[in-house]
Amino acid sequence: MLRYEIMVESGSDIKSGSNLEKILRSGQFAVTAELGPPRGADRGVIEKKAGLLKGYGDAFNITDCQTAVVRMSSIAAGRIVLDAGLEPIIQMTCRDRNRIAIQSDLLGAAALGAKNLLCLTGDHQKFGDHPMAKGVFDIDSIQLIHLVKMLRDERKFQGGQELKAVEPRFFIGAAENPFADPFKFRAIRLAKKIAAGADFIQTQIIYNTKKFKDWMKMVTDMGLHEKTFILAGVAPLKSAGMAKHMKHNVPGMDVPDEVINRMTAASAIKKGKEEGVRICLEVIEQVREVKGVAGVHIMAVEWEEAVPEIVQQARLYPRPKL
């Protein structure tokens, strides 16, 4: 199993004891993937997806009403995933909760066994199925990271009151987009999230590997890779239409024309999915050699069936057991 340069950590630095944290701290190249909760109350949907993904990742993101579309609670779905023998990464957005509700949900998620948390601002509600909904955005993702760190390390609520009961011990994650403008400030934004308390980072989907490498050069020049674990985001495309939609309609996405042309040619002969997986594998092969990259995060949106094939073909299977 490929190893990468890692900061030296002592046992006292363990934050949550999660499998993901152990894999990363051991120097193993980590693999995470996404498991999207259903638009309904059927736990069987989650159990089926868990069966497909089991053994093909170290932990799995449970999305929180992704793209502002109503879905089953990420915390409830995370408990079902735990029951199925997988480790969840609970996503939590600031879009739908004020700081009181956020802290309440954090305590509940920890009580249900969650050990990994991904802190997100959240897609604006205008992009979802309830554009008339009132967004909360009481705090942003950087403030959320700091709030979680305060609860865990200082045993204090965000308002300053002491937490006298058992504290939630999360391995704290954050997202970062290497491609958004202004590009020269992206590493500085990452530094703010690390300073707030982010233990690991999952990036936006990568298709422009050259620009990603340029960003990682800035990150490593600042020494940020020694302060957090960076997982490169990858995703298999299903069709030329999906590639074009991501290029033109998804904020912060960078899909080069070369990728569009490859997907267009493949889709014309009904081979879009195969080419999408091939491109994803090529990206993984490139980013795993980049200094400071500690793993990959596979975002096969509503296409969990593709994850086992990608992990196996990328020579990232079987996953280590610690």
Foldseek 3Di string as FASTA:
>chain_A
DDFADAAQDDPVPDQFPAQQSVCLNVRHAFEEEEDEAAQDDDLVSLLVLLVLCPQLGSEYEYDACAQLEDGPGQLVSQLSSVVSPGAYAYEDAQFADALVVLVVVLVVSLVSPHAHYEFANHNQNCRYDCNVDHTGCNDGRLVVLLQLCCQRPVCAHPVGHHNPDDGRRHQYEYEFQCQAPPNVCRLVVVVSSLVSPHAEYEYDADLPLVSVLVSVVVNVVVPVLHRHAYAYEHEFDQALVSLVCQCPPPPRDDHDVVNSVQRHVCVVVPRNRVVSLVSRLVSQVVVVPRHSHRYHYYYHDVPSNCSVVSCVVNVNPRPDDD
